[in-house]
Amino acid sequence: MIVEQDVLVRHPLAEYLRECGYRVVEATDHDEARECLEDGRYSIDAALIDAGGPTGSGFALSAWIRGNHPTVKTMLGATVGKVLALAGDLCDEGPQAAKRLNYRPVLDHIRQLLASRKRP
């Protein structure tokens, strides 16, 4: 599951993971993510969560998942836009984002998390 409000961030990553053979559930906010986990329609093994988000901290959602769905592995991330906005305060000309995103590290981390999980 990918929890990210920005469709321009969430959807390309979801498509990449689908092309790698994963079934991906997309949630736009923490409430939708909780609903996806609680309603039982989806079998979710891992959740990539935006560290911020409009309805609460990604840390809070991650803690909720660990407490209520302990078999689901969680990862926290921040979008390039958020990182660039924060970095913009550090440089005179502002951040530049000309580089294409590389999703491979995310895929590698998901594989590591899923390989380390304990099956019930």
PDB file of N, CA and C in Angstrom:
ATOM      1  N   MET A   1       0.849  -1.170   0.000  1.00  0.00           N
ATOM      2  CA  MET A   1       0.000   0.000   0.000  1.00  0.00           C
ATOM      3  C   MET A   1       0.897   1.236   0.000  1.00  0.00           C
ATOM      4  N   ILE A   2       0.512   2.211  -0.819  1.00  0.00           N
ATOM      5  CA  ILE A   2       1.209   3.499  -0.836  1.00  0.00           C
ATOM      6  C   ILE A   2       0.240   4.543  -0.299  1.00  0.00           C
ATOM      7  N   VAL A   3       0.668   5.278   0.721  1.00  0.00           N
ATOM      8  CA  VAL A   3      -0.158   6.325   1.322  1.00  0.00           C
ATOM      9  C   VAL A   3       0.497   7.661   0.996  1.00  0.00           C
ATOM     10  N   GLU A   4      -0.094   8.370   0.046  1.00  0.00           N
ATOM     11  CA  GLU A   4       0.465   9.636  -0.435  1.00  0.00           C
ATOM     12  C   GLU A   4      -0.659  10.449  -1.058  1.00  0.00           C
ATOM     13  N   GLN A   5      -0.804  11.690  -0.646  1.00  0.00           N
ATOM     14  CA  GLN A   5      -1.862  12.560  -1.157  1.00  0.00           C
ATOM     15  C   GLN A   5      -1.615  12.958  -2.605  1.00  0.00           C
ATOM     16  N   ASP A   6      -0.386  13.225  -2.964  1.00  0.00           N
ATOM     17  CA  ASP A   6      -0.051  13.747  -4.292  1.00  0.00           C
ATOM     18  C   ASP A   6      -0.071  12.631  -5.325  1.00  0.00           C
ATOM     19  N   VAL A   7      -1.057  12.668  -6.220  1.00  0.00           N
ATOM     20  CA  VAL A   7      -1.209  11.640  -7.239  1.00  0.00           C
ATOM     21  C   VAL A   7       0.002  11.596  -8.173  1.00  0.00           C
ATOM     22  N   LEU A   8       0.670  12.719  -8.367  1.00  0.00           N
ATOM     23  CA  LEU A   8       1.840  12.757  -9.248  1.00  0.00           C
ATOM     24  C   LEU A   8       3.040  12.048  -8.627  1.00  0.00           C
ATOM     25  N   VAL A   9       3.002  11.829  -7.352  1.00  0.00           N
ATOM     26  CA  VAL A   9       4.039  11.059  -6.660  1.00  0.00           C
ATOM     27  C   VAL A   9       3.579   9.614  -6.498  1.00  0.00           C
ATOM     28  N   ARG A  10       2.356   9.452  -6.018  1.00  0.00           N
ATOM     29  CA  ARG A  10       1.836   8.122  -5.688  1.00  0.00           C
ATOM     30  C   ARG A  10       1.680   7.224  -6.914  1.00  0.00           C
ATOM     31  N   HIS A  11       1.045   7.732  -7.949  1.00  0.00           N
ATOM     32  CA  HIS A  11       0.708   6.883  -9.087  1.00  0.00           C
ATOM     33  C   HIS A  11       1.924   6.353  -9.856  1.00  0.00           C
ATOM     34  N   PRO A  12       2.931   7.186 -10.183  1.00  0.00           N
ATOM     35  CA  PRO A  12       4.099   6.619 -10.889  1.00  0.00           C
ATOM     36  C   PRO A  12       4.815   5.533 -10.082  1.00  0.00           C
ATOM     37  N   LEU A  13       4.929   5.719  -8.776  1.00  0.00           N
ATOM     38  CA  LEU A  13       5.550   4.698  -7.940  1.00  0.00           C
ATOM     39  C   LEU A  13       4.692   3.436  -7.922  1.00  0.00           C
ATOM     40  N   ALA A  14       3.386   3.592  -7.803  1.00  0.00           N
ATOM     41  CA  ALA A  14       2.479   2.443  -7.812  1.00  0.00           C
ATOM     42  C   ALA A  14       2.589   1.682  -9.132  1.00  0.00           C
ATOM     43  N   GLU A  15       2.636   2.395 -10.244  1.00  0.00           N
ATOM     44  CA  GLU A  15       2.759   1.748 -11.551  1.00  0.00           C
ATOM     45  C   GLU A  15       4.084   1.005 -11.677  1.00  0.00           C
ATOM     46  N   TYR A  16       5.149   1.609 -11.179  1.00  0.00           N
ATOM     47  CA  TYR A  16       6.458   0.953 -11.216  1.00  0.00           C
ATOM     48  C   TYR A  16       6.413  -0.361 -10.441  1.00  0.00           C
ATOM     49  N   LEU A  17       5.844  -0.322  -9.250  1.00  0.00           N
ATOM     50  CA  LEU A  17       5.768  -1.530  -8.423  1.00  0.00           C
ATOM     51  C   LEU A  17       4.860  -2.582  -9.061  1.00  0.00           C
ATOM     52  N   ARG A  18       3.804  -2.153  -9.723  1.00  0.00           N
ATOM     53  CA  ARG A  18       2.933  -3.102 -10.432  1.00  0.00           C
ATOM     54  C   ARG A  18       3.698  -3.778 -11.570  1.00  0.00           C
ATOM     55  N   GLU A  19       4.501  -2.998 -12.289  1.00  0.00           N
ATOM     56  CA  GLU A  19       5.316  -3.558 -13.367  1.00  0.00           C
ATOM     57  C   GLU A  19       6.332  -4.567 -12.828  1.00  0.00           C
ATOM     58  N   CYS A  20       6.697  -4.431 -11.559  1.00  0.00           N
ATOM     59  CA  CYS A  20       7.623  -5.370 -10.915  1.00  0.00           C
ATOM     60  C   CYS A  20       6.889  -6.581 -10.337  1.00  0.00           C
ATOM     61  N   GLY A  21       5.589  -6.650 -10.526  1.00  0.00           N
ATOM     62  CA  GLY A  21       4.833  -7.819 -10.111  1.00  0.00           C
ATOM     63  C   GLY A  21       4.065  -7.696  -8.811  1.00  0.00           C
ATOM     64  N   TYR A  22       4.037  -6.528  -8.200  1.00  0.00           N
ATOM     65  CA  TYR A  22       3.321  -6.354  -6.934  1.00  0.00           C
ATOM     66  C   TYR A  22       1.896  -5.877  -7.186  1.00  0.00           C
ATOM     67  N   ARG A  23       0.992  -6.298  -6.301  1.00  0.00           N
ATOM     68  CA  ARG A  23      -0.353  -5.731  -6.271  1.00  0.00           C
ATOM     69  C   ARG A  23      -0.275  -4.531  -5.341  1.00  0.00           C
ATOM     70  N   VAL A  24      -0.710  -3.380  -5.800  1.00  0.00           N
ATOM     71  CA  VAL A  24      -0.541  -2.147  -5.039  1.00  0.00           C
ATOM     72  C   VAL A  24      -1.900  -1.512  -4.766  1.00  0.00           C
ATOM     73  N   VAL A  25      -2.118  -1.183  -3.505  1.00  0.00           N
ATOM     74  CA  VAL A  25      -3.290  -0.428  -3.080  1.00  0.00           C
ATOM     75  C   VAL A  25      -2.820   0.999  -2.877  1.00  0.00           C
ATOM     76  N   GLU A  26      -3.564   1.956  -3.417  1.00  0.00           N
ATOM     77  CA  GLU A  26      -3.216   3.366  -3.258  1.00  0.00           C
ATOM     78  C   GLU A  26      -4.195   4.033  -2.305  1.00  0.00           C
ATOM     79  N   ALA A  27      -3.669   4.749  -1.331  1.00  0.00           N
ATOM     80  CA  ALA A  27      -4.496   5.510  -0.383  1.00  0.00           C
ATOM     81  C   ALA A  27      -4.039   6.965  -0.417  1.00  0.00           C
ATOM     82  N   THR A  28      -4.998   7.879  -0.421  1.00  0.00           N
ATOM     83  CA  THR A  28      -4.657   9.294  -0.512  1.00  0.00           C
ATOM     84  C   THR A  28      -4.363   9.921   0.841  1.00  0.00           C
ATOM     85  N   ASP A  29      -4.842   9.304   1.916  1.00  0.00           N
ATOM     86  CA  ASP A  29      -4.583   9.866   3.239  1.00  0.00           C
ATOM     87  C   ASP A  29      -4.621   8.758   4.287  1.00  0.00           C
ATOM     88  N   HIS A  30      -4.357   9.129   5.505  1.00  0.00           N
ATOM     89  CA  HIS A  30      -4.255   8.152   6.592  1.00  0.00           C
ATOM     90  C   HIS A  30      -5.588   7.485   6.897  1.00  0.00           C
ATOM     91  N   ASP A  31      -6.670   8.244   6.786  1.00  0.00           N
ATOM     92  CA  ASP A  31      -7.990   7.654   7.043  1.00  0.00           C
ATOM     93  C   ASP A  31      -8.302   6.573   6.011  1.00  0.00           C
ATOM     94  N   GLU A  32      -7.998   6.854   4.751  1.00  0.00           N
ATOM     95  CA  GLU A  32      -8.232   5.867   3.699  1.00  0.00           C
ATOM     96  C   GLU A  32      -7.337   4.641   3.897  1.00  0.00           C
ATOM     97  N   ALA A  33      -6.111   4.858   4.344  1.00  0.00           N
ATOM     98  CA  ALA A  33      -5.196   3.740   4.609  1.00  0.00           C
ATOM     99  C   ALA A  33      -5.744   2.858   5.718  1.00  0.00           C
ATOM    100  N   ARG A  34      -6.225   3.466   6.781  1.00  0.00           N
ATOM    101  CA  ARG A  34      -6.804   2.689   7.888  1.00  0.00           C
ATOM    102  C   ARG A  34      -8.004   1.876   7.398  1.00  0.00           C
ATOM    103  N   GLU A  35      -8.836   2.503   6.582  1.00  0.00           N
ATOM    104  CA  GLU A  35     -10.005   1.816   6.043  1.00  0.00           C
ATOM    105  C   GLU A  35      -9.582   0.611   5.191  1.00  0.00           C
ATOM    106  N   CYS A  36      -8.570   0.781   4.358  1.00  0.00           N
ATOM    107  CA  CYS A  36      -8.081  -0.323   3.524  1.00  0.00           C
ATOM    108  C   CYS A  36      -7.589  -1.486   4.383  1.00  0.00           C
ATOM    109  N   LEU A  37      -6.962  -1.176   5.489  1.00  0.00           N
ATOM    110  CA  LEU A  37      -6.453  -2.223   6.375  1.00  0.00           C
ATOM    111  C   LEU A  37      -7.564  -2.885   7.180  1.00  0.00           C
ATOM    112  N   GLU A  38      -8.567  -2.112   7.563  1.00  0.00           N
ATOM    113  CA  GLU A  38      -9.615  -2.616   8.456  1.00  0.00           C
ATOM    114  C   GLU A  38     -10.715  -3.383   7.724  1.00  0.00           C
ATOM    115  N   ASP A  39     -11.013  -3.023   6.473  1.00  0.00           N
ATOM    116  CA  ASP A  39     -12.190  -3.634   5.836  1.00  0.00           C
ATOM    117  C   ASP A  39     -11.957  -5.036   5.297  1.00  0.00           C
ATOM    118  N   GLY A  40     -10.715  -5.493   5.239  1.00  0.00           N
ATOM    119  CA  GLY A  40     -10.421  -6.869   4.861  1.00  0.00           C
ATOM    120  C   GLY A  40     -10.473  -7.175   3.377  1.00  0.00           C
ATOM    121  N   ARG A  41     -10.732  -6.171   2.535  1.00  0.00           N
ATOM    122  CA  ARG A  41     -10.768  -6.426   1.089  1.00  0.00           C
ATOM    123  C   ARG A  41      -9.388  -6.681   0.514  1.00  0.00           C
ATOM    124  N   TYR A  42      -8.372  -6.155   1.174  1.00  0.00           N
ATOM    125  CA  TYR A  42      -7.019  -6.242   0.649  1.00  0.00           C
ATOM    126  C   TYR A  42      -6.122  -7.022   1.609  1.00  0.00           C
ATOM    127  N   SER A  43      -5.203  -7.756   1.034  1.00  0.00           N
ATOM    128  CA  SER A  43      -4.159  -8.407   1.819  1.00  0.00           C
ATOM    129  C   SER A  43      -2.913  -7.533   1.678  1.00  0.00           C
ATOM    130  N   ILE A  44      -2.610  -6.775   2.713  1.00  0.00           N
ATOM    131  CA  ILE A  44      -1.517  -5.813   2.650  1.00  0.00           C
ATOM    132  C   ILE A  44      -0.349  -6.321   3.473  1.00  0.00           C
ATOM    133  N   ASP A  45       0.805  -6.403   2.817  1.00  0.00           N
ATOM    134  CA  ASP A  45       2.020  -6.890   3.477  1.00  0.00           C
ATOM    135  C   ASP A  45       2.946  -5.755   3.898  1.00  0.00           C
ATOM    136  N   ALA A  46       2.908  -4.646   3.146  1.00  0.00           N
ATOM    137  CA  ALA A  46       3.807  -3.527   3.427  1.00  0.00           C
ATOM    138  C   ALA A  46       3.104  -2.216   3.094  1.00  0.00           C
ATOM    139  N   ALA A  47       3.465  -1.165   3.830  1.00  0.00           N
ATOM    140  CA  ALA A  47       2.888   0.160   3.592  1.00  0.00           C
ATOM    141  C   ALA A  47       4.007   1.192   3.495  1.00  0.00           C
ATOM    142  N   LEU A  48       4.032   1.913   2.389  1.00  0.00           N
ATOM    143  CA  LEU A  48       4.941   3.037   2.201  1.00  0.00           C
ATOM    144  C   LEU A  48       4.126   4.285   2.497  1.00  0.00           C
ATOM    145  N   ILE A  49       4.526   5.015   3.554  1.00  0.00           N
ATOM    146  CA  ILE A  49       3.712   6.103   4.090  1.00  0.00           C
ATOM    147  C   ILE A  49       4.443   7.425   3.959  1.00  0.00           C
ATOM    148  N   ASP A  50       3.743   8.437   3.452  1.00  0.00           N
ATOM    149  CA  ASP A  50       4.271   9.796   3.421  1.00  0.00           C
ATOM    150  C   ASP A  50       4.480  10.240   4.863  1.00  0.00           C
ATOM    151  N   ALA A  51       5.672  10.728   5.166  1.00  0.00           N
ATOM    152  CA  ALA A  51       6.008  11.098   6.546  1.00  0.00           C
ATOM    153  C   ALA A  51       5.111  12.202   7.097  1.00  0.00           C
ATOM    154  N   GLY A  52       4.615  13.065   6.240  1.00  0.00           N
ATOM    155  CA  GLY A  52       3.720  14.134   6.684  1.00  0.00           C
ATOM    156  C   GLY A  52       2.289  13.741   6.419  1.00  0.00           C
ATOM    157  N   GLY A  53       1.694  14.393   5.467  1.00  0.00           N
ATOM    158  CA  GLY A  53       0.330  14.050   5.077  1.00  0.00           C
ATOM    159  C   GLY A  53      -0.673  15.015   5.668  1.00  0.00           C
ATOM    160  N   PRO A  54      -1.839  15.123   5.017  1.00  0.00           N
ATOM    161  CA  PRO A  54      -2.839  16.116   5.413  1.00  0.00           C
ATOM    162  C   PRO A  54      -3.610  15.777   6.677  1.00  0.00           C
ATOM    163  N   THR A  55      -3.705  14.511   7.045  1.00  0.00           N
ATOM    164  CA  THR A  55      -4.547  14.165   8.196  1.00  0.00           C
ATOM    165  C   THR A  55      -3.752  13.586   9.350  1.00  0.00           C
ATOM    166  N   GLY A  56      -2.497  13.948   9.442  1.00  0.00           N
ATOM    167  CA  GLY A  56      -1.720  13.466  10.565  1.00  0.00           C
ATOM    168  C   GLY A  56      -0.344  13.007  10.157  1.00  0.00           C
ATOM    169  N   SER A  57       0.455  12.786  11.120  1.00  0.00           N
ATOM    170  CA  SER A  57       1.833  12.385  10.905  1.00  0.00           C
ATOM    171  C   SER A  57       1.926  10.955  10.401  1.00  0.00           C
ATOM    172  N   GLY A  58       2.831  10.741   9.453  1.00  0.00           N
ATOM    173  CA  GLY A  58       3.113   9.388   8.993  1.00  0.00           C
ATOM    174  C   GLY A  58       3.612   8.512  10.117  1.00  0.00           C
ATOM    175  N   PHE A  59       4.279   9.114  11.088  1.00  0.00           N
ATOM    176  CA  PHE A  59       4.764   8.362  12.241  1.00  0.00           C
ATOM    177  C   PHE A  59       3.583   7.810  13.039  1.00  0.00           C
ATOM    178  N   ALA A  60       2.531   8.610  13.173  1.00  0.00           N
ATOM    179  CA  ALA A  60       1.347   8.153  13.908  1.00  0.00           C
ATOM    180  C   ALA A  60       0.662   7.006  13.168  1.00  0.00           C
ATOM    181  N   LEU A  61       0.552   7.112  11.845  1.00  0.00           N
ATOM    182  CA  LEU A  61      -0.057   6.025  11.074  1.00  0.00           C
ATOM    183  C   LEU A  61       0.791   4.762  11.167  1.00  0.00           C
ATOM    184  N   SER A  62       2.091   4.914  11.079  1.00  0.00           N
ATOM    185  CA  SER A  62       2.988   3.766  11.193  1.00  0.00           C
ATOM    186  C   SER A  62       2.818   3.085  12.556  1.00  0.00           C
ATOM    187  N   ALA A  63       2.741   3.870  13.610  1.00  0.00           N
ATOM    188  CA  ALA A  63       2.544   3.317  14.957  1.00  0.00           C
ATOM    189  C   ALA A  63       1.192   2.614  15.056  1.00  0.00           C
ATOM    190  N   TRP A  64       0.160   3.210  14.458  1.00  0.00           N
ATOM    191  CA  TRP A  64      -1.171   2.594  14.474  1.00  0.00           C
ATOM    192  C   TRP A  64      -1.136   1.249  13.753  1.00  0.00           C
ATOM    193  N   ILE A  65      -0.462   1.192  12.598  1.00  0.00           N
ATOM    194  CA  ILE A  65      -0.373  -0.059  11.848  1.00  0.00           C
ATOM    195  C   ILE A  65       0.371  -1.110  12.665  1.00  0.00           C
ATOM    196  N   ARG A  66       1.487  -0.730  13.275  1.00  0.00           N
ATOM    197  CA  ARG A  66       2.253  -1.690  14.082  1.00  0.00           C
ATOM    198  C   ARG A  66       1.415  -2.229  15.240  1.00  0.00           C
ATOM    199  N   GLY A  67       0.588  -1.383  15.830  1.00  0.00           N
ATOM    200  CA  GLY A  67      -0.242  -1.806  16.957  1.00  0.00           C
ATOM    201  C   GLY A  67      -1.448  -2.627  16.557  1.00  0.00           C
ATOM    202  N   ASN A  68      -2.021  -2.342  15.393  1.00  0.00           N
ATOM    203  CA  ASN A  68      -3.257  -2.994  14.983  1.00  0.00           C
ATOM    204  C   ASN A  68      -3.086  -4.059  13.905  1.00  0.00           C
ATOM    205  N   HIS A  69      -2.003  -3.974  13.158  1.00  0.00           N
ATOM    206  CA  HIS A  69      -1.718  -4.922  12.074  1.00  0.00           C
ATOM    207  C   HIS A  69      -0.223  -5.232  12.091  1.00  0.00           C
ATOM    208  N   PRO A  70       0.245  -5.924  13.116  1.00  0.00           N
ATOM    209  CA  PRO A  70       1.684  -6.115  13.318  1.00  0.00           C
ATOM    210  C   PRO A  70       2.399  -6.890  12.217  1.00  0.00           C
ATOM    211  N   THR A  71       1.680  -7.592  11.364  1.00  0.00           N
ATOM    212  CA  THR A  71       2.346  -8.314  10.276  1.00  0.00           C
ATOM    213  C   THR A  71       2.637  -7.417   9.078  1.00  0.00           C
ATOM    214  N   VAL A  72       2.055  -6.216   9.055  1.00  0.00           N
ATOM    215  CA  VAL A  72       2.283  -5.278   7.952  1.00  0.00           C
ATOM    216  C   VAL A  72       3.568  -4.492   8.233  1.00  0.00           C
ATOM    217  N   LYS A  73       4.508  -4.570   7.315  1.00  0.00           N
ATOM    218  CA  LYS A  73       5.762  -3.815   7.430  1.00  0.00           C
ATOM    219  C   LYS A  73       5.507  -2.380   6.971  1.00  0.00           C
ATOM    220  N   THR A  74       6.098  -1.415   7.666  1.00  0.00           N
ATOM    221  CA  THR A  74       5.897  -0.015   7.294  1.00  0.00           C
ATOM    222  C   THR A  74       7.215   0.650   6.935  1.00  0.00           C
ATOM    223  N   MET A  75       7.128   1.594   6.010  1.00  0.00           N
ATOM    224  CA  MET A  75       8.259   2.436   5.608  1.00  0.00           C
ATOM    225  C   MET A  75       7.755   3.865   5.558  1.00  0.00           C
ATOM    226  N   LEU A  76       8.547   4.784   6.071  1.00  0.00           N
ATOM    227  CA  LEU A  76       8.203   6.194   5.997  1.00  0.00           C
ATOM    228  C   LEU A  76       9.054   6.853   4.925  1.00  0.00           C
ATOM    229  N   GLY A  77       8.451   7.750   4.181  1.00  0.00           N
ATOM    230  CA  GLY A  77       9.184   8.464   3.145  1.00  0.00           C
ATOM    231  C   GLY A  77       8.673   9.878   3.026  1.00  0.00           C
ATOM    232  N   ALA A  78       9.419  10.675   2.310  1.00  0.00           N
ATOM    233  CA  ALA A  78       9.004  12.047   2.021  1.00  0.00           C
ATOM    234  C   ALA A  78       9.119  12.252   0.522  1.00  0.00           C
ATOM    235  N   THR A  79       8.224  13.034  -0.021  1.00  0.00           N
ATOM    236  CA  THR A  79       8.259  13.286  -1.452  1.00  0.00           C
ATOM    237  C   THR A  79       9.429  14.198  -1.796  1.00  0.00           C
ATOM    238  N   VAL A  80       9.835  14.106  -3.041  1.00  0.00           N
ATOM    239  CA  VAL A  80      10.911  14.963  -3.513  1.00  0.00           C
ATOM    240  C   VAL A  80      10.536  16.429  -3.328  1.00  0.00           C
ATOM    241  N   GLY A  81       9.280  16.763  -3.596  1.00  0.00           N
ATOM    242  CA  GLY A  81       8.836  18.146  -3.452  1.00  0.00           C
ATOM    243  C   GLY A  81       8.998  18.676  -2.044  1.00  0.00           C
ATOM    244  N   LYS A  82       8.672  17.859  -1.060  1.00  0.00           N
ATOM    245  CA  LYS A  82       8.809  18.284   0.332  1.00  0.00           C
ATOM    246  C   LYS A  82      10.272  18.460   0.714  1.00  0.00           C
ATOM    247  N   VAL A  83      11.088  17.505   0.264  1.00  0.00           N
ATOM    248  CA  VAL A  83      12.516  17.609   0.552  1.00  0.00           C
ATOM    249  C   VAL A  83      13.098  18.851  -0.113  1.00  0.00           C
ATOM    250  N   LEU A  84      12.701  19.107  -1.351  1.00  0.00           N
ATOM    251  CA  LEU A  84      13.208  20.287  -2.059  1.00  0.00           C
ATOM    252  C   LEU A  84      12.739  21.579  -1.407  1.00  0.00           C
ATOM    253  N   ALA A  85      11.501  21.593  -0.947  1.00  0.00           N
ATOM    254  CA  ALA A  85      11.001  22.796  -0.275  1.00  0.00           C
ATOM    255  C   ALA A  85      11.809  23.077   0.982  1.00  0.00           C
ATOM    256  N   LEU A  86      12.114  22.038   1.744  1.00  0.00           N
ATOM    257  CA  LEU A  86      12.925  22.219   2.945  1.00  0.00           C
ATOM    258  C   LEU A  86      14.345  22.648   2.575  1.00  0.00           C
ATOM    259  N   ALA A  87      14.882  22.060   1.538  1.00  0.00           N
ATOM    260  CA  ALA A  87      16.236  22.404   1.100  1.00  0.00           C
ATOM    261  C   ALA A  87      16.300  23.818   0.541  1.00  0.00           C
ATOM    262  N   GLY A  88      15.180  24.307   0.012  1.00  0.00           N
ATOM    263  CA  GLY A  88      15.145  25.645  -0.565  1.00  0.00           C
ATOM    264  C   GLY A  88      15.543  26.730   0.406  1.00  0.00           C
ATOM    265  N   ASP A  89      15.302  26.497   1.670  1.00  0.00           N
ATOM    266  CA  ASP A  89      15.683  27.466   2.691  1.00  0.00           C
ATOM    267  C   ASP A  89      17.201  27.542   2.873  1.00  0.00           C
ATOM    268  N   LEU A  90      17.899  26.517   2.392  1.00  0.00           N
ATOM    269  CA  LEU A  90      19.339  26.448   2.607  1.00  0.00           C
ATOM    270  C   LEU A  90      20.165  27.023   1.467  1.00  0.00           C
ATOM    271  N   CYS A  91      19.545  27.267   0.321  1.00  0.00           N
ATOM    272  CA  CYS A  91      20.323  27.774  -0.809  1.00  0.00           C
ATOM    273  C   CYS A  91      19.684  29.042  -1.381  1.00  0.00           C
ATOM    274  N   ASP A  92      20.520  29.921  -1.931  1.00  0.00           N
ATOM    275  CA  ASP A  92      20.061  31.220  -2.410  1.00  0.00           C
ATOM    276  C   ASP A  92      19.133  31.118  -3.627  1.00  0.00           C
ATOM    277  N   GLU A  93      19.439  30.232  -4.558  1.00  0.00           N
ATOM    278  CA  GLU A  93      18.672  30.162  -5.798  1.00  0.00           C
ATOM    279  C   GLU A  93      17.509  29.183  -5.725  1.00  0.00           C
ATOM    280  N   GLY A  94      17.337  28.512  -4.628  1.00  0.00           N
ATOM    281  CA  GLY A  94      16.261  27.542  -4.502  1.00  0.00           C
ATOM    282  C   GLY A  94      16.669  26.196  -5.054  1.00  0.00           C
ATOM    283  N   PRO A  95      15.900  25.166  -4.742  1.00  0.00           N
ATOM    284  CA  PRO A  95      16.238  23.811  -5.152  1.00  0.00           C
ATOM    285  C   PRO A  95      15.975  23.584  -6.636  1.00  0.00           C
ATOM    286  N   GLN A  96      16.694  22.667  -7.215  1.00  0.00           N
ATOM    287  CA  GLN A  96      16.508  22.263  -8.607  1.00  0.00           C
ATOM    288  C   GLN A  96      16.172  20.781  -8.628  1.00  0.00           C
ATOM    289  N   ALA A  97      15.158  20.412  -9.378  1.00  0.00           N
ATOM    290  CA  ALA A  97      14.739  19.008  -9.434  1.00  0.00           C
ATOM    291  C   ALA A  97      14.698  18.524 -10.872  1.00  0.00           C
ATOM    292  N   ALA A  98      15.837  18.529 -11.532  1.00  0.00           N
ATOM    293  CA  ALA A  98      15.883  18.103 -12.918  1.00  0.00           C
ATOM    294  C   ALA A  98      16.121  16.605 -13.068  1.00  0.00           C
ATOM    295  N   LYS A  99      16.485  15.950 -12.012  1.00  0.00           N
ATOM    296  CA  LYS A  99      16.840  14.539 -12.053  1.00  0.00           C
ATOM    297  C   LYS A  99      15.592  13.649 -12.026  1.00  0.00           C
ATOM    298  N   ARG A 100      15.576  12.611 -12.856  1.00  0.00           N
ATOM    299  CA  ARG A 100      14.475  11.645 -12.876  1.00  0.00           C
ATOM    300  C   ARG A 100      14.526  10.801 -11.599  1.00  0.00           C
ATOM    301  N   LEU A 101      13.360  10.478 -11.069  1.00  0.00           N
ATOM    302  CA  LEU A 101      13.292   9.699  -9.841  1.00  0.00           C
ATOM    303  C   LEU A 101      13.720   8.261 -10.081  1.00  0.00           C
ATOM    304  N   ASN A 102      14.432   7.701  -9.140  1.00  0.00           N
ATOM    305  CA  ASN A 102      14.868   6.319  -9.195  1.00  0.00           C
ATOM    306  C   ASN A 102      14.110   5.547  -8.118  1.00  0.00           C
ATOM    307  N   TYR A 103      13.197   4.683  -8.551  1.00  0.00           N
ATOM    308  CA  TYR A 103      12.379   3.922  -7.615  1.00  0.00           C
ATOM    309  C   TYR A 103      13.047   2.636  -7.165  1.00  0.00           C
ATOM    310  N   ARG A 104      14.176   2.291  -7.733  1.00  0.00           N
ATOM    311  CA  ARG A 104      14.838   1.024  -7.409  1.00  0.00           C
ATOM    312  C   ARG A 104      15.131   0.867  -5.912  1.00  0.00           C
ATOM    313  N   PRO A 105      15.633   1.912  -5.229  1.00  0.00           N
ATOM    314  CA  PRO A 105      15.865   1.750  -3.782  1.00  0.00           C
ATOM    315  C   PRO A 105      14.587   1.425  -3.006  1.00  0.00           C
ATOM    316  N   VAL A 106      13.468   1.978  -3.440  1.00  0.00           N
ATOM    317  CA  VAL A 106      12.191   1.679  -2.776  1.00  0.00           C
ATOM    318  C   VAL A 106      11.844   0.212  -2.997  1.00  0.00           C
ATOM    319  N   LEU A 107      11.983  -0.253  -4.232  1.00  0.00           N
ATOM    320  CA  LEU A 107      11.709  -1.649  -4.540  1.00  0.00           C
ATOM    321  C   LEU A 107      12.612  -2.574  -3.730  1.00  0.00           C
ATOM    322  N   ASP A 108      13.882  -2.261  -3.666  1.00  0.00           N
ATOM    323  CA  ASP A 108      14.823  -3.088  -2.902  1.00  0.00           C
ATOM    324  C   ASP A 108      14.439  -3.147  -1.426  1.00  0.00           C
ATOM    325  N   HIS A 109      14.020  -2.010  -0.875  1.00  0.00           N
ATOM    326  CA  HIS A 109      13.639  -1.969   0.536  1.00  0.00           C
ATOM    327  C   HIS A 109      12.363  -2.778   0.785  1.00  0.00           C
ATOM    328  N   ILE A 110      11.404  -2.690  -0.121  1.00  0.00           N
ATOM    329  CA  ILE A 110      10.173  -3.466   0.009  1.00  0.00           C
ATOM    330  C   ILE A 110      10.510  -4.958   0.005  1.00  0.00           C
ATOM    331  N   ARG A 111      11.375  -5.361  -0.911  1.00  0.00           N
ATOM    332  CA  ARG A 111      11.772  -6.769  -0.970  1.00  0.00           C
ATOM    333  C   ARG A 111      12.423  -7.216   0.340  1.00  0.00           C
ATOM    334  N   GLN A 112      13.279  -6.378   0.917  1.00  0.00           N
ATOM    335  CA  GLN A 112      13.928  -6.719   2.186  1.00  0.00           C
ATOM    336  C   GLN A 112      12.905  -6.848   3.301  1.00  0.00           C
ATOM    337  N   LEU A 113      11.969  -5.916   3.365  1.00  0.00           N
ATOM    338  CA  LEU A 113      10.944  -5.969   4.409  1.00  0.00           C
ATOM    339  C   LEU A 113      10.095  -7.224   4.292  1.00  0.00           C
ATOM    340  N   LEU A 114       9.673  -7.539   3.083  1.00  0.00           N
ATOM    341  CA  LEU A 114       8.817  -8.700   2.895  1.00  0.00           C
ATOM    342  C   LEU A 114       9.580  -9.994   3.169  1.00  0.00           C
ATOM    343  N   ALA A 115      10.851 -10.024   2.858  1.00  0.00           N
ATOM    344  CA  ALA A 115      11.649 -11.221   3.112  1.00  0.00           C
ATOM    345  C   ALA A 115      11.853 -11.447   4.611  1.00  0.00           C
ATOM    346  N   SER A 116      11.826 -10.373   5.399  1.00  0.00           N
ATOM    347  CA  SER A 116      12.101 -10.492   6.837  1.00  0.00           C
ATOM    348  C   SER A 116      10.843 -10.689   7.681  1.00  0.00           C
ATOM    349  N   ARG A 117       9.671 -10.590   7.091  1.00  0.00           N
ATOM    350  CA  ARG A 117       8.450 -10.679   7.891  1.00  0.00           C
ATOM    351  C   ARG A 117       8.211 -12.087   8.387  1.00  0.00           C
ATOM    352  N   LYS A 118       7.500 -12.130   9.485  1.00  0.00           N
ATOM    353  CA  LYS A 118       7.110 -13.406  10.085  1.00  0.00           C
ATOM    354  C   LYS A 118       5.687 -13.716   9.653  1.00  0.00           C
ATOM    355  N   ARG A 119       5.492 -14.849   9.071  1.00  0.00           N
ATOM    356  CA  ARG A 119       4.139 -15.276   8.655  1.00  0.00           C
ATOM    357  C   ARG A 119       3.395 -15.860   9.845  1.00  0.00           C
ATOM    358  N   PRO A 120       2.082 -15.541   9.953  1.00  0.00           N
ATOM    359  CA  PRO A 120       1.295 -16.097  11.075  1.00  0.00           C
ATOM    360  C   PRO A 120       1.115 -17.584  10.935  1.00  0.00           C
TER     361      PRO A 120
END
